[in-house]
Amino acid sequence: MTRSDVRIRAFIAVPAAVLLIVIGFLLKAGGAFEMPLSHALNLLHHGVIGALGNALYHGIGPAPAIVGTVVITAVILLVSRSWQRASTFAVTIAVSWLSMAVVKLLVHRPRPIAAQLALPYHPAQIDASYPSGHMAFASAVVVTTILLIRPGTLRRVLVVVGALLLVGVALLLTIDGVHYPTDVTASLLWVLAVAPLVFALWVRYALPWLARRLPRDRSPLVPGVGRG
């Protein structure tokens, strides 16, 4: 990971982040113009699809997401025996996800109007809607995992599988009626822009600094990182 890589990712991430924040305020000011689409998708919120949507919303809420990240990080550490790889995974997800949460509080767009939905999610969600925290977390896990894999067949397979998974998550969240389509789209774009920059900054600057102060680790490292 070179300084040029970091600069390129910053050149993409910073304008994208600013643009997504501006779009959030415009969407909030524009009212619930997406309600007809939200209503149409919410008609699918029953049976197997409804159960999957409810399970997803519960399963990747804030508390389960934190626990899941800690568990996966621990598994990565045990399997790879590399604190570099494990820390990169945890930090990239945490910063990408939590930075989105700041935008959510800043924009504070209202949720889809439950009274106008045929099959609204229960209990009603009253916090801000844009961007989607659930979508941001799912996107951060997928994108970070791909970034940790060296270029090759496995990474290409993960890109395809990850893209399909995220499309499914986005659809289920909109079918639940807890988010507008633009909420989940914004979260995906936020992570696609921010996560690579966080990853690059951590790998290029934080890991070398930490490696000089921690015991040497001779296990395989993340792509682009020299041995500590």
Foldseek 3Di string as FASTA:
>chain_A
DDPVLLVVLCVQQPVLVVVLLVVLLVVLVVPPPLLVVLQVLLVPLDDPLVVVLVCLCVCCPPVNLVVVLVVVLVVCCVVQVDNQLSVLLSQLLVCLLVVQVVSQVVSFRFARDQVSHPQAAPPADGTGAAADSSLLNLLSNLVSVLQQDDDDDVSVVSVVVSVVVSVSNLSSCSNNRGYGSVNNVSSNSSSVSRSSSSSCCCQVPVVVVVCVVDDWDPTDHGPPHDTD
